[in-house]
PDB file of N, CA and C in Angstrom:
ATOM      1  N   MET A   1     121.194 181.331 -91.568  1.00  0.00           N
ATOM      2  CA  MET A   1     120.807 182.560 -92.246  1.00  0.00           C
ATOM      3  C   MET A   1     121.094 182.398 -93.734  1.00  0.00           C
ATOM      4  N   LEU A   2     120.209 182.942 -94.534  1.00  0.00           N
ATOM      5  CA  LEU A   2     120.329 182.850 -95.981  1.00  0.00           C
ATOM      6  C   LEU A   2     120.112 184.231 -96.566  1.00  0.00           C
ATOM      7  N   ASP A   3     121.053 184.676 -97.420  1.00  0.00           N
ATOM      8  CA  ASP A   3     120.947 185.998 -98.058  1.00  0.00           C
ATOM      9  C   ASP A   3     121.211 185.800 -99.549  1.00  0.00           C
ATOM     10  N   LEU A   4     120.144 185.702-100.319  1.00  0.00           N
ATOM     11  CA  LEU A   4     120.263 185.414-101.740  1.00  0.00           C
ATOM     12  C   LEU A   4     120.401 186.685-102.572  1.00  0.00           C
ATOM     13  N   GLU A   5     121.268 186.612-103.552  1.00  0.00           N
ATOM     14  CA  GLU A   5     121.378 187.677-104.547  1.00  0.00           C
ATOM     15  C   GLU A   5     121.206 186.990-105.897  1.00  0.00           C
ATOM     16  N   PHE A   6     120.237 187.457-106.682  1.00  0.00           N
ATOM     17  CA  PHE A   6     119.918 186.791-107.937  1.00  0.00           C
ATOM     18  C   PHE A   6     120.616 187.463-109.105  1.00  0.00           C
ATOM     19  N   PHE A   7     120.936 186.664-110.113  1.00  0.00           N
ATOM     20  CA  PHE A   7     121.576 187.148-111.329  1.00  0.00           C
ATOM     21  C   PHE A   7     120.544 187.778-112.243  1.00  0.00           C
ATOM     22  N   ASP A   8     121.005 188.695-113.096  1.00  0.00           N
ATOM     23  CA  ASP A   8     120.134 189.255-114.120  1.00  0.00           C
ATOM     24  C   ASP A   8     119.841 188.184-115.159  1.00  0.00           C
ATOM     25  N   SER A   9     118.642 188.196-115.654  1.00  0.00           N
ATOM     26  CA  SER A   9     118.254 187.273-116.708  1.00  0.00           C
ATOM     27  C   SER A   9     118.926 187.673-118.011  1.00  0.00           C
ATOM     28  N   SER A  10     119.341 186.698-118.790  1.00  0.00           N
ATOM     29  CA  SER A  10     119.942 187.023-120.082  1.00  0.00           C
ATOM     30  C   SER A  10     118.915 187.657-121.008  1.00  0.00           C
ATOM     31  N   SER A  11     117.639 187.495-120.687  1.00  0.00           N
ATOM     32  CA  SER A  11     116.592 188.083-121.512  1.00  0.00           C
ATOM     33  C   SER A  11     116.505 189.595-121.325  1.00  0.00           C
ATOM     34  N   LYS A  12     117.249 190.114-120.358  1.00  0.00           N
ATOM     35  CA  LYS A  12     117.244 191.568-120.140  1.00  0.00           C
ATOM     36  C   LYS A  12     117.668 192.291-121.419  1.00  0.00           C
ATOM     37  N   TYR A  13     118.673 191.781-122.091  1.00  0.00           N
ATOM     38  CA  TYR A  13     119.167 192.377-123.330  1.00  0.00           C
ATOM     39  C   TYR A  13     118.966 191.467-124.532  1.00  0.00           C
ATOM     40  N   GLY A  14     118.872 190.178-124.307  1.00  0.00           N
ATOM     41  CA  GLY A  14     118.874 189.230-125.417  1.00  0.00           C
ATOM     42  C   GLY A  14     120.312 188.862-125.726  1.00  0.00           C
ATOM     43  N   VAL A  15     120.571 188.445-126.946  1.00  0.00           N
ATOM     44  CA  VAL A  15     121.909 188.039-127.355  1.00  0.00           C
ATOM     45  C   VAL A  15     122.783 189.289-127.520  1.00  0.00           C
ATOM     46  N   ILE A  16     123.947 189.257-126.874  1.00  0.00           N
ATOM     47  CA  ILE A  16     124.878 190.387-126.939  1.00  0.00           C
ATOM     48  C   ILE A  16     126.074 189.952-127.771  1.00  0.00           C
ATOM     49  N   LYS A  17     126.031 190.304-129.062  1.00  0.00           N
ATOM     50  CA  LYS A  17     127.104 189.887-129.961  1.00  0.00           C
ATOM     51  C   LYS A  17     127.191 190.855-131.133  1.00  0.00           C
ATOM     52  N   ALA A  18     128.283 190.730-131.852  1.00  0.00           N
ATOM     53  CA  ALA A  18     128.474 191.475-133.101  1.00  0.00           C
ATOM     54  C   ALA A  18     128.944 190.474-134.144  1.00  0.00           C
ATOM     55  N   THR A  19     128.430 190.605-135.348  1.00  0.00           N
ATOM     56  CA  THR A  19     128.744 189.693-136.430  1.00  0.00           C
ATOM     57  C   THR A  19     129.344 190.467-137.589  1.00  0.00           C
ATOM     58  N   VAL A  20     130.409 189.925-138.167  1.00  0.00           N
ATOM     59  CA  VAL A  20     131.022 190.560-139.323  1.00  0.00           C
ATOM     60  C   VAL A  20     130.304 190.084-140.580  1.00  0.00           C
ATOM     61  N   HIS A  21     129.837 191.029-141.367  1.00  0.00           N
ATOM     62  CA  HIS A  21     129.160 190.731-142.620  1.00  0.00           C
ATOM     63  C   HIS A  21     130.204 190.609-143.740  1.00  0.00           C
ATOM     64  N   LYS A  22     129.830 189.993-144.823  1.00  0.00           N
ATOM     65  CA  LYS A  22     130.735 189.791-145.967  1.00  0.00           C
ATOM     66  C   LYS A  22     131.190 191.117-146.580  1.00  0.00           C
ATOM     67  N   THR A  23     130.500 192.208-146.243  1.00  0.00           N
ATOM     68  CA  THR A  23     130.850 193.535-146.758  1.00  0.00           C
ATOM     69  C   THR A  23     131.871 194.258-145.887  1.00  0.00           C
ATOM     70  N   GLY A  24     132.256 193.644-144.760  1.00  0.00           N
ATOM     71  CA  GLY A  24     133.202 194.289-143.855  1.00  0.00           C
ATOM     72  C   GLY A  24     132.540 195.123-142.780  1.00  0.00           C
ATOM     73  N   LYS A  25     131.220 194.998-142.652  1.00  0.00           N
ATOM     74  CA  LYS A  25     130.499 195.711-141.599  1.00  0.00           C
ATOM     75  C   LYS A  25     130.463 194.849-140.351  1.00  0.00           C
ATOM     76  N   LEU A  26     130.666 195.471-139.204  1.00  0.00           N
ATOM     77  CA  LEU A  26     130.518 194.809-137.916  1.00  0.00           C
ATOM     78  C   LEU A  26     129.127 195.165-137.421  1.00  0.00           C
ATOM     79  N   GLY A  27     128.193 194.227-137.546  1.00  0.00           N
ATOM     80  CA  GLY A  27     126.800 194.469-137.190  1.00  0.00           C
ATOM     81  C   GLY A  27     126.508 194.024-135.775  1.00  0.00           C
ATOM     82  N   PHE A  28     125.828 194.862-135.026  1.00  0.00           N
ATOM     83  CA  PHE A  28     125.513 194.579-133.627  1.00  0.00           C
ATOM     84  C   PHE A  28     124.095 194.039-133.503  1.00  0.00           C
ATOM     85  N   SER A  29     123.921 193.002-132.693  1.00  0.00           N
ATOM     86  CA  SER A  29     122.581 192.461-132.440  1.00  0.00           C
ATOM     87  C   SER A  29     121.762 193.507-131.690  1.00  0.00           C
ATOM     88  N   SER A  30     120.451 193.328-131.670  1.00  0.00           N
ATOM     89  CA  SER A  30     119.609 194.279-130.938  1.00  0.00           C
ATOM     90  C   SER A  30     119.946 194.260-129.452  1.00  0.00           C
ATOM     91  N   GLY A  31     120.314 193.080-128.928  1.00  0.00           N
ATOM     92  CA  GLY A  31     120.728 192.988-127.521  1.00  0.00           C
ATOM     93  C   GLY A  31     122.000 193.771-127.259  1.00  0.00           C
ATOM     94  N   ALA A  32     122.944 193.706-128.185  1.00  0.00           N
ATOM     95  CA  ALA A  32     124.192 194.470-128.047  1.00  0.00           C
ATOM     96  C   ALA A  32     123.910 195.961-128.131  1.00  0.00           C
ATOM     97  N   SER A  33     122.986 196.344-129.001  1.00  0.00           N
ATOM     98  CA  SER A  33     122.630 197.762-129.135  1.00  0.00           C
ATOM     99  C   SER A  33     122.101 198.323-127.823  1.00  0.00           C
ATOM    100  N   LYS A  34     121.255 197.532-127.150  1.00  0.00           N
ATOM    101  CA  LYS A  34     120.710 197.960-125.854  1.00  0.00           C
ATOM    102  C   LYS A  34     121.809 197.970-124.793  1.00  0.00           C
ATOM    103  N   TYR A  35     122.564 196.890-124.735  1.00  0.00           N
ATOM    104  CA  TYR A  35     123.621 196.723-123.731  1.00  0.00           C
ATOM    105  C   TYR A  35     124.656 197.845-123.814  1.00  0.00           C
ATOM    106  N   MET A  36     125.036 198.202-125.045  1.00  0.00           N
ATOM    107  CA  MET A  36     126.061 199.215-125.262  1.00  0.00           C
ATOM    108  C   MET A  36     125.473 200.625-125.391  1.00  0.00           C
ATOM    109  N   ASP A  37     124.165 200.737-125.405  1.00  0.00           N
ATOM    110  CA  ASP A  37     123.466 202.004-125.604  1.00  0.00           C
ATOM    111  C   ASP A  37     123.943 202.680-126.894  1.00  0.00           C
ATOM    112  N   LEU A  38     123.932 201.915-127.974  1.00  0.00           N
ATOM    113  CA  LEU A  38     124.402 202.423-129.267  1.00  0.00           C
ATOM    114  C   LEU A  38     123.619 203.639-129.777  1.00  0.00           C
ATOM    115  N   PRO A  39     122.315 203.778-129.469  1.00  0.00           N
ATOM    116  CA  PRO A  39     121.626 204.987-129.943  1.00  0.00           C
ATOM    117  C   PRO A  39     122.255 206.290-129.426  1.00  0.00           C
ATOM    118  N   SER A  40     122.969 206.223-128.319  1.00  0.00           N
ATOM    119  CA  SER A  40     123.599 207.433-127.776  1.00  0.00           C
ATOM    120  C   SER A  40     124.992 207.681-128.354  1.00  0.00           C
ATOM    121  N   MET A  41     125.474 206.760-129.195  1.00  0.00           N
ATOM    122  CA  MET A  41     126.827 206.856-129.733  1.00  0.00           C
ATOM    123  C   MET A  41     126.824 207.382-131.157  1.00  0.00           C
ATOM    124  N   LYS A  42     127.788 208.216-131.468  1.00  0.00           N
ATOM    125  CA  LYS A  42     127.963 208.682-132.842  1.00  0.00           C
ATOM    126  C   LYS A  42     129.194 208.044-133.473  1.00  0.00           C
ATOM    127  N   PHE A  43     130.242 207.878-132.661  1.00  0.00           N
ATOM    128  CA  PHE A  43     131.508 207.346-133.154  1.00  0.00           C
ATOM    129  C   PHE A  43     132.097 206.391-132.127  1.00  0.00           C
ATOM    130  N   ALA A  44     133.078 205.613-132.580  1.00  0.00           N
ATOM    131  CA  ALA A  44     133.805 204.716-131.688  1.00  0.00           C
ATOM    132  C   ALA A  44     135.262 204.657-132.113  1.00  0.00           C
ATOM    133  N   ASN A  45     136.120 204.517-131.127  1.00  0.00           N
ATOM    134  CA  ASN A  45     137.522 204.205-131.373  1.00  0.00           C
ATOM    135  C   ASN A  45     137.647 202.699-131.188  1.00  0.00           C
ATOM    136  N   ILE A  46     138.364 202.052-132.079  1.00  0.00           N
ATOM    137  CA  ILE A  46     138.536 200.603-132.009  1.00  0.00           C
ATOM    138  C   ILE A  46     140.027 200.315-132.018  1.00  0.00           C
ATOM    139  N   GLY A  47     140.463 199.494-131.065  1.00  0.00           N
ATOM    140  CA  GLY A  47     141.885 199.210-130.977  1.00  0.00           C
ATOM    141  C   GLY A  47     142.168 197.823-130.446  1.00  0.00           C
ATOM    142  N   LEU A  48     143.462 197.553-130.313  1.00  0.00           N
ATOM    143  CA  LEU A  48     143.976 196.294-129.776  1.00  0.00           C
ATOM    144  C   LEU A  48     144.732 196.564-128.485  1.00  0.00           C
ATOM    145  N   ASN A  49     144.954 195.516-127.718  1.00  0.00           N
ATOM    146  CA  ASN A  49     145.728 195.604-126.487  1.00  0.00           C
ATOM    147  C   ASN A  49     147.212 195.452-126.837  1.00  0.00           C
ATOM    148  N   LYS A  50     147.925 196.567-126.946  1.00  0.00           N
ATOM    149  CA  LYS A  50     149.333 196.506-127.343  1.00  0.00           C
ATOM    150  C   LYS A  50     150.236 195.943-126.247  1.00  0.00           C
ATOM    151  N   ALA A  51     149.716 195.820-125.022  1.00  0.00           N
ATOM    152  CA  ALA A  51     150.501 195.265-123.921  1.00  0.00           C
ATOM    153  C   ALA A  51     150.528 193.735-123.948  1.00  0.00           C
ATOM    154  N   ASN A  52     149.650 193.121-124.771  1.00  0.00           N
ATOM    155  CA  ASN A  52     149.578 191.672-124.812  1.00  0.00           C
ATOM    156  C   ASN A  52     149.296 191.222-126.245  1.00  0.00           C
ATOM    157  N   GLU A  53     150.316 190.773-126.935  1.00  0.00           N
ATOM    158  CA  GLU A  53     150.174 190.346-128.331  1.00  0.00           C
ATOM    159  C   GLU A  53     149.289 189.111-128.487  1.00  0.00           C
ATOM    160  N   GLU A  54     149.118 188.340-127.418  1.00  0.00           N
ATOM    161  CA  GLU A  54     148.268 187.147-127.448  1.00  0.00           C
ATOM    162  C   GLU A  54     146.787 187.529-127.439  1.00  0.00           C
ATOM    163  N   ASP A  55     146.473 188.702-126.945  1.00  0.00           N
ATOM    164  CA  ASP A  55     145.092 189.180-126.837  1.00  0.00           C
ATOM    165  C   ASP A  55     144.618 189.642-128.212  1.00  0.00           C
ATOM    166  N   GLN A  56     143.733 188.863-128.822  1.00  0.00           N
ATOM    167  CA  GLN A  56     143.220 189.177-130.156  1.00  0.00           C
ATOM    168  C   GLN A  56     141.861 189.871-130.117  1.00  0.00           C
ATOM    169  N   CYS A  57     141.409 190.259-128.925  1.00  0.00           N
ATOM    170  CA  CYS A  57     140.124 190.951-128.794  1.00  0.00           C
ATOM    171  C   CYS A  57     140.234 192.368-129.336  1.00  0.00           C
ATOM    172  N   LEU A  58     139.112 192.885-129.781  1.00  0.00           N
ATOM    173  CA  LEU A  58     139.022 194.283-130.175  1.00  0.00           C
ATOM    174  C   LEU A  58     138.444 195.056-129.003  1.00  0.00           C
ATOM    175  N   TYR A  59     138.854 196.297-128.864  1.00  0.00           N
ATOM    176  CA  TYR A  59     138.367 197.149-127.782  1.00  0.00           C
ATOM    177  C   TYR A  59     137.699 198.362-128.394  1.00  0.00           C
ATOM    178  N   LEU A  60     136.484 198.619-127.962  1.00  0.00           N
ATOM    179  CA  LEU A  60     135.678 199.699-128.530  1.00  0.00           C
ATOM    180  C   LEU A  60     135.399 200.732-127.446  1.00  0.00           C
ATOM    181  N   VAL A  61     135.712 201.986-127.754  1.00  0.00           N
ATOM    182  CA  VAL A  61     135.490 203.098-126.827  1.00  0.00           C
ATOM    183  C   VAL A  61     134.531 204.079-127.484  1.00  0.00           C
ATOM    184  N   LYS A  62     133.418 204.350-126.810  1.00  0.00           N
ATOM    185  CA  LYS A  62     132.425 205.281-127.338  1.00  0.00           C
ATOM    186  C   LYS A  62     132.949 206.718-127.290  1.00  0.00           C
ATOM    187  N   THR A  63     132.579 207.492-128.299  1.00  0.00           N
ATOM    188  CA  THR A  63     132.915 208.911-128.312  1.00  0.00           C
ATOM    189  C   THR A  63     131.917 209.646-129.201  1.00  0.00           C
ATOM    190  N   ASN A  64     131.737 210.908-128.943  1.00  0.00           N
ATOM    191  CA  ASN A  64     130.879 211.733-129.796  1.00  0.00           C
ATOM    192  C   ASN A  64     131.701 212.694-130.639  1.00  0.00           C
ATOM    193  N   GLU A  65     133.032 212.595-130.515  1.00  0.00           N
ATOM    194  CA  GLU A  65     133.915 213.471-131.281  1.00  0.00           C
ATOM    195  C   GLU A  65     134.527 212.706-132.450  1.00  0.00           C
ATOM    196  N   GLU A  66     134.406 213.267-133.631  1.00  0.00           N
ATOM    197  CA  GLU A  66     134.983 212.644-134.814  1.00  0.00           C
ATOM    198  C   GLU A  66     136.442 213.064-134.969  1.00  0.00           C
ATOM    199  N   THR A  67     137.313 212.073-135.148  1.00  0.00           N
ATOM    200  CA  THR A  67     138.735 212.317-135.404  1.00  0.00           C
ATOM    201  C   THR A  67     139.156 211.417-136.560  1.00  0.00           C
ATOM    202  N   ASP A  68     140.434 211.456-136.900  1.00  0.00           N
ATOM    203  CA  ASP A  68     140.916 210.569-137.964  1.00  0.00           C
ATOM    204  C   ASP A  68     141.003 209.117-137.507  1.00  0.00           C
ATOM    205  N   LYS A  69     140.793 208.849-136.216  1.00  0.00           N
ATOM    206  CA  LYS A  69     140.850 207.483-135.694  1.00  0.00           C
ATOM    207  C   LYS A  69     139.478 206.918-135.343  1.00  0.00           C
ATOM    208  N   THR A  70     138.423 207.710-135.484  1.00  0.00           N
ATOM    209  CA  THR A  70     137.103 207.220-135.100  1.00  0.00           C
ATOM    210  C   THR A  70     136.388 206.545-136.258  1.00  0.00           C
ATOM    211  N   PHE A  71     135.488 205.669-135.889  1.00  0.00           N
ATOM    212  CA  PHE A  71     134.625 204.976-136.835  1.00  0.00           C
ATOM    213  C   PHE A  71     133.192 205.417-136.562  1.00  0.00           C
ATOM    214  N   ARG A  72     132.458 205.730-137.603  1.00  0.00           N
ATOM    215  CA  ARG A  72     131.078 206.189-137.461  1.00  0.00           C
ATOM    216  C   ARG A  72     130.172 204.998-137.126  1.00  0.00           C
ATOM    217  N   ILE A  73     129.293 205.208-136.150  1.00  0.00           N
ATOM    218  CA  ILE A  73     128.265 204.224-135.821  1.00  0.00           C
ATOM    219  C   ILE A  73     127.076 204.528-136.735  1.00  0.00           C
ATOM    220  N   VAL A  74     126.684 203.567-137.533  1.00  0.00           N
ATOM    221  CA  VAL A  74     125.631 203.772-138.526  1.00  0.00           C
ATOM    222  C   VAL A  74     124.397 202.970-138.132  1.00  0.00           C
ATOM    223  N   LYS A  75     123.230 203.590-138.267  1.00  0.00           N
ATOM    224  CA  LYS A  75     121.967 202.918-137.986  1.00  0.00           C
ATOM    225  C   LYS A  75     121.332 202.529-139.310  1.00  0.00           C
ATOM    226  N   ALA A  76     120.933 201.264-139.408  1.00  0.00           N
ATOM    227  CA  ALA A  76     120.248 200.765-140.602  1.00  0.00           C
ATOM    228  C   ALA A  76     119.019 200.008-140.117  1.00  0.00           C
ATOM    229  N   GLY A  77     117.861 200.604-140.244  1.00  0.00           N
ATOM    230  CA  GLY A  77     116.639 199.995-139.712  1.00  0.00           C
ATOM    231  C   GLY A  77     116.716 199.940-138.196  1.00  0.00           C
ATOM    232  N   GLU A  78     116.593 198.753-137.637  1.00  0.00           N
ATOM    233  CA  GLU A  78     116.655 198.581-136.180  1.00  0.00           C
ATOM    234  C   GLU A  78     118.065 198.253-135.685  1.00  0.00           C
ATOM    235  N   TYR A  79     119.003 198.130-136.609  1.00  0.00           N
ATOM    236  CA  TYR A  79     120.336 197.663-136.245  1.00  0.00           C
ATOM    237  C   TYR A  79     121.408 198.734-136.446  1.00  0.00           C
ATOM    238  N   TYR A  80     122.542 198.513-135.808  1.00  0.00           N
ATOM    239  CA  TYR A  80     123.686 199.421-135.896  1.00  0.00           C
ATOM    240  C   TYR A  80     124.882 198.635-136.406  1.00  0.00           C
ATOM    241  N   TYR A  81     125.762 199.342-137.088  1.00  0.00           N
ATOM    242  CA  TYR A  81     126.984 198.695-137.549  1.00  0.00           C
ATOM    243  C   TYR A  81     128.112 199.720-137.636  1.00  0.00           C
ATOM    244  N   VAL A  82     129.327 199.183-137.727  1.00  0.00           N
ATOM    245  CA  VAL A  82     130.549 199.967-137.937  1.00  0.00           C
ATOM    246  C   VAL A  82     131.276 199.301-139.102  1.00  0.00           C
ATOM    247  N   PHE A  83     131.734 200.091-140.035  1.00  0.00           N
ATOM    248  CA  PHE A  83     132.446 199.560-141.199  1.00  0.00           C
ATOM    249  C   PHE A  83     133.910 199.367-140.819  1.00  0.00           C
ATOM    250  N   ILE A  84     134.343 198.096-140.652  1.00  0.00           N
ATOM    251  CA  ILE A  84     135.708 197.812-140.177  1.00  0.00           C
ATOM    252  C   ILE A  84     136.514 196.979-141.166  1.00  0.00           C
ATOM    253  N   LYS A  85     136.168 197.042-142.421  1.00  0.00           N
ATOM    254  CA  LYS A  85     136.849 196.248-143.448  1.00  0.00           C
ATOM    255  C   LYS A  85     138.375 196.416-143.380  1.00  0.00           C
ATOM    256  N   ASN A  86     138.855 197.639-143.216  1.00  0.00           N
ATOM    257  CA  ASN A  86     140.302 197.880-143.181  1.00  0.00           C
ATOM    258  C   ASN A  86     140.969 197.259-141.952  1.00  0.00           C
ATOM    259  N   ILE A  87     140.280 197.270-140.818  1.00  0.00           N
ATOM    260  CA  ILE A  87     140.826 196.631-139.616  1.00  0.00           C
ATOM    261  C   ILE A  87     140.955 195.126-139.862  1.00  0.00           C
ATOM    262  N   LEU A  88     139.922 194.531-140.399  1.00  0.00           N
ATOM    263  CA  LEU A  88     139.930 193.093-140.654  1.00  0.00           C
ATOM    264  C   LEU A  88     141.048 192.702-141.616  1.00  0.00           C
ATOM    265  N   ARG A  89     141.229 193.503-142.655  1.00  0.00           N
ATOM    266  CA  ARG A  89     142.325 193.243-143.604  1.00  0.00           C
ATOM    267  C   ARG A  89     143.673 193.332-142.904  1.00  0.00           C
ATOM    268  N   GLU A  90     143.858 194.383-142.110  1.00  0.00           N
ATOM    269  CA  GLU A  90     145.126 194.577-141.397  1.00  0.00           C
ATOM    270  C   GLU A  90     145.422 193.418-140.450  1.00  0.00           C
ATOM    271  N   LEU A  91     144.380 192.850-139.853  1.00  0.00           N
ATOM    272  CA  LEU A  91     144.547 191.733-138.927  1.00  0.00           C
ATOM    273  C   LEU A  91     144.626 190.391-139.646  1.00  0.00           C
ATOM    274  N   GLY A  92     144.458 190.405-140.954  1.00  0.00           N
ATOM    275  CA  GLY A  92     144.530 189.170-141.719  1.00  0.00           C
ATOM    276  C   GLY A  92     143.327 188.264-141.504  1.00  0.00           C
ATOM    277  N   ILE A  93     142.180 188.845-141.212  1.00  0.00           N
ATOM    278  CA  ILE A  93     140.966 188.063-140.982  1.00  0.00           C
ATOM    279  C   ILE A  93     140.194 187.948-142.292  1.00  0.00           C
ATOM    280  N   ASP A  94     139.923 186.721-142.694  1.00  0.00           N
ATOM    281  CA  ASP A  94     139.226 186.450-143.945  1.00  0.00           C
ATOM    282  C   ASP A  94     137.716 186.563-143.723  1.00  0.00           C
ATOM    283  N   TYR A  95     137.236 187.780-143.617  1.00  0.00           N
ATOM    284  CA  TYR A  95     135.834 188.024-143.295  1.00  0.00           C
ATOM    285  C   TYR A  95     134.881 187.639-144.421  1.00  0.00           C
ATOM    286  N   LYS A  96     135.390 187.487-145.633  1.00  0.00           N
ATOM    287  CA  LYS A  96     134.530 187.120-146.761  1.00  0.00           C
ATOM    288  C   LYS A  96     134.209 185.620-146.773  1.00  0.00           C
ATOM    289  N   ASN A  97     135.103 184.817-146.218  1.00  0.00           N
ATOM    290  CA  ASN A  97     134.918 183.368-146.271  1.00  0.00           C
ATOM    291  C   ASN A  97     134.735 182.705-144.915  1.00  0.00           C
ATOM    292  N   GLU A  98     134.911 183.444-143.823  1.00  0.00           N
ATOM    293  CA  GLU A  98     134.771 182.866-142.492  1.00  0.00           C
ATOM    294  C   GLU A  98     133.564 183.468-141.782  1.00  0.00           C
ATOM    295  N   SER A  99     132.989 182.706-140.886  1.00  0.00           N
ATOM    296  CA  SER A  99     131.927 183.207-140.022  1.00  0.00           C
ATOM    297  C   SER A  99     132.603 183.825-138.795  1.00  0.00           C
ATOM    298  N   ILE A 100     132.427 185.118-138.612  1.00  0.00           N
ATOM    299  CA  ILE A 100     133.116 185.812-137.526  1.00  0.00           C
ATOM    300  C   ILE A 100     132.085 186.470-136.612  1.00  0.00           C
ATOM    301  N   ILE A 101     132.090 186.023-135.355  1.00  0.00           N
ATOM    302  CA  ILE A 101     131.177 186.554-134.349  1.00  0.00           C
ATOM    303  C   ILE A 101     132.014 186.968-133.144  1.00  0.00           C
ATOM    304  N   TYR A 102     131.686 188.142-132.597  1.00  0.00           N
ATOM    305  CA  TYR A 102     132.345 188.640-131.398  1.00  0.00           C
ATOM    306  C   TYR A 102     131.344 188.693-130.250  1.00  0.00           C
ATOM    307  N   ASP A 103     131.733 188.137-129.106  1.00  0.00           N
ATOM    308  CA  ASP A 103     130.963 188.314-127.878  1.00  0.00           C
ATOM    309  C   ASP A 103     131.441 189.609-127.238  1.00  0.00           C
ATOM    310  N   ILE A 104     130.522 190.314-126.595  1.00  0.00           N
ATOM    311  CA  ILE A 104     130.815 191.653-126.087  1.00  0.00           C
ATOM    312  C   ILE A 104     130.642 191.692-124.581  1.00  0.00           C
ATOM    313  N   GLU A 105     131.617 192.294-123.917  1.00  0.00           N
ATOM    314  CA  GLU A 105     131.476 192.533-122.479  1.00  0.00           C
ATOM    315  C   GLU A 105     131.970 193.930-122.144  1.00  0.00           C
ATOM    316  N   GLU A 106     131.359 194.495-121.141  1.00  0.00           N
ATOM    317  CA  GLU A 106     131.754 195.824-120.678  1.00  0.00           C
ATOM    318  C   GLU A 106     132.875 195.656-119.659  1.00  0.00           C
ATOM    319  N   ILE A 107     133.929 196.435-119.817  1.00  0.00           N
ATOM    320  CA  ILE A 107     135.041 196.415-118.864  1.00  0.00           C
ATOM    321  C   ILE A 107     135.396 197.853-118.494  1.00  0.00           C
ATOM    322  N   GLU A 108     136.256 197.994-117.512  1.00  0.00           N
ATOM    323  CA  GLU A 108     136.702 199.326-117.124  1.00  0.00           C
ATOM    324  C   GLU A 108     138.132 199.549-117.600  1.00  0.00           C
ATOM    325  N   TYR A 109     138.366 200.727-118.179  1.00  0.00           N
ATOM    326  CA  TYR A 109     139.686 201.102-118.677  1.00  0.00           C
ATOM    327  C   TYR A 109     139.890 202.577-118.363  1.00  0.00           C
ATOM    328  N   ARG A 110     140.920 202.859-117.580  1.00  0.00           N
ATOM    329  CA  ARG A 110     141.222 204.241-117.189  1.00  0.00           C
ATOM    330  C   ARG A 110     139.991 204.960-116.641  1.00  0.00           C
ATOM    331  N   GLU A 111     139.304 204.258-115.742  1.00  0.00           N
ATOM    332  CA  GLU A 111     138.121 204.770-115.051  1.00  0.00           C
ATOM    333  C   GLU A 111     136.940 205.059-115.970  1.00  0.00           C
ATOM    334  N   ASN A 112     136.929 204.454-117.162  1.00  0.00           N
ATOM    335  CA  ASN A 112     135.807 204.579-118.090  1.00  0.00           C
ATOM    336  C   ASN A 112     135.327 203.190-118.483  1.00  0.00           C
ATOM    337  N   LYS A 113     134.048 203.093-118.801  1.00  0.00           N
ATOM    338  CA  LYS A 113     133.504 201.837-119.285  1.00  0.00           C
ATOM    339  C   LYS A 113     133.726 201.760-120.791  1.00  0.00           C
ATOM    340  N   ILE A 114     134.319 200.639-121.211  1.00  0.00           N
ATOM    341  CA  ILE A 114     134.546 200.391-122.634  1.00  0.00           C
ATOM    342  C   ILE A 114     134.064 198.978-122.935  1.00  0.00           C
ATOM    343  N   TYR A 115     134.161 198.580-124.183  1.00  0.00           N
ATOM    344  CA  TYR A 115     133.653 197.270-124.586  1.00  0.00           C
ATOM    345  C   TYR A 115     134.753 196.415-125.182  1.00  0.00           C
ATOM    346  N   LYS A 116     134.801 195.177-124.704  1.00  0.00           N
ATOM    347  CA  LYS A 116     135.773 194.200-125.166  1.00  0.00           C
ATOM    348  C   LYS A 116     135.028 193.223-126.064  1.00  0.00           C
ATOM    349  N   LEU A 117     135.480 193.103-127.315  1.00  0.00           N
ATOM    350  CA  LEU A 117     134.856 192.226-128.295  1.00  0.00           C
ATOM    351  C   LEU A 117     135.809 191.068-128.564  1.00  0.00           C
ATOM    352  N   CYS A 118     135.438 189.892-128.087  1.00  0.00           N
ATOM    353  CA  CYS A 118     136.289 188.713-128.254  1.00  0.00           C
ATOM    354  C   CYS A 118     135.652 187.770-129.253  1.00  0.00           C
ATOM    355  N   ARG A 119     136.466 187.353-130.201  1.00  0.00           N
ATOM    356  CA  ARG A 119     135.980 186.475-131.264  1.00  0.00           C
ATOM    357  C   ARG A 119     135.667 185.100-130.721  1.00  0.00           C
ATOM    358  N   ARG A 120     134.510 184.586-131.094  1.00  0.00           N
ATOM    359  CA  ARG A 120     134.125 183.237-130.702  1.00  0.00           C
ATOM    360  C   ARG A 120     135.024 182.241-131.421  1.00  0.00           C
ATOM    361  N   GLN A 121     135.415 181.230-130.675  1.00  0.00           N
ATOM    362  CA  GLN A 121     136.222 180.170-131.263  1.00  0.00           C
ATOM    363  C   GLN A 121     135.295 179.092-131.794  1.00  0.00           C
ATOM    364  N   ARG A 122     135.509 178.688-133.019  1.00  0.00           N
ATOM    365  CA  ARG A 122     134.699 177.629-133.610  1.00  0.00           C
ATOM    366  C   ARG A 122     135.235 176.283-133.177  1.00  0.00           C
ATOM    367  N   LYS A 123     134.327 175.372-132.923  1.00  0.00           N
ATOM    368  CA  LYS A 123     134.731 174.030-132.482  1.00  0.00           C
ATOM    369  C   LYS A 123     134.610 173.052-133.603  1.00  0.00           C
TER     370      LYS A 123
END
């Protein structure tokens, strides 16, 4: 007996990544915009995993409520971005001179879907 289950094609969304621009903007690819449903988002909370200091990934939680901790999701043409210059400075990331790309995956946190952004390691 054979019971096949097929994987989704990566072409469903395209490339799912976010790139840091020299201006401190975290720009999302069109695939990431679809995957994360960015058109439905107004704001995001961005944080770190305080339970694990080795974990350098950023965690993004969608919200429609603006607070002193939220970052505005901005649409520019077909793309979306979040201005995270202050986060990058605080983390000591040289975004002006380094190529910084984050791969994005959806995870579950406290029974909600959130996004884990892990920086690609350069070889």
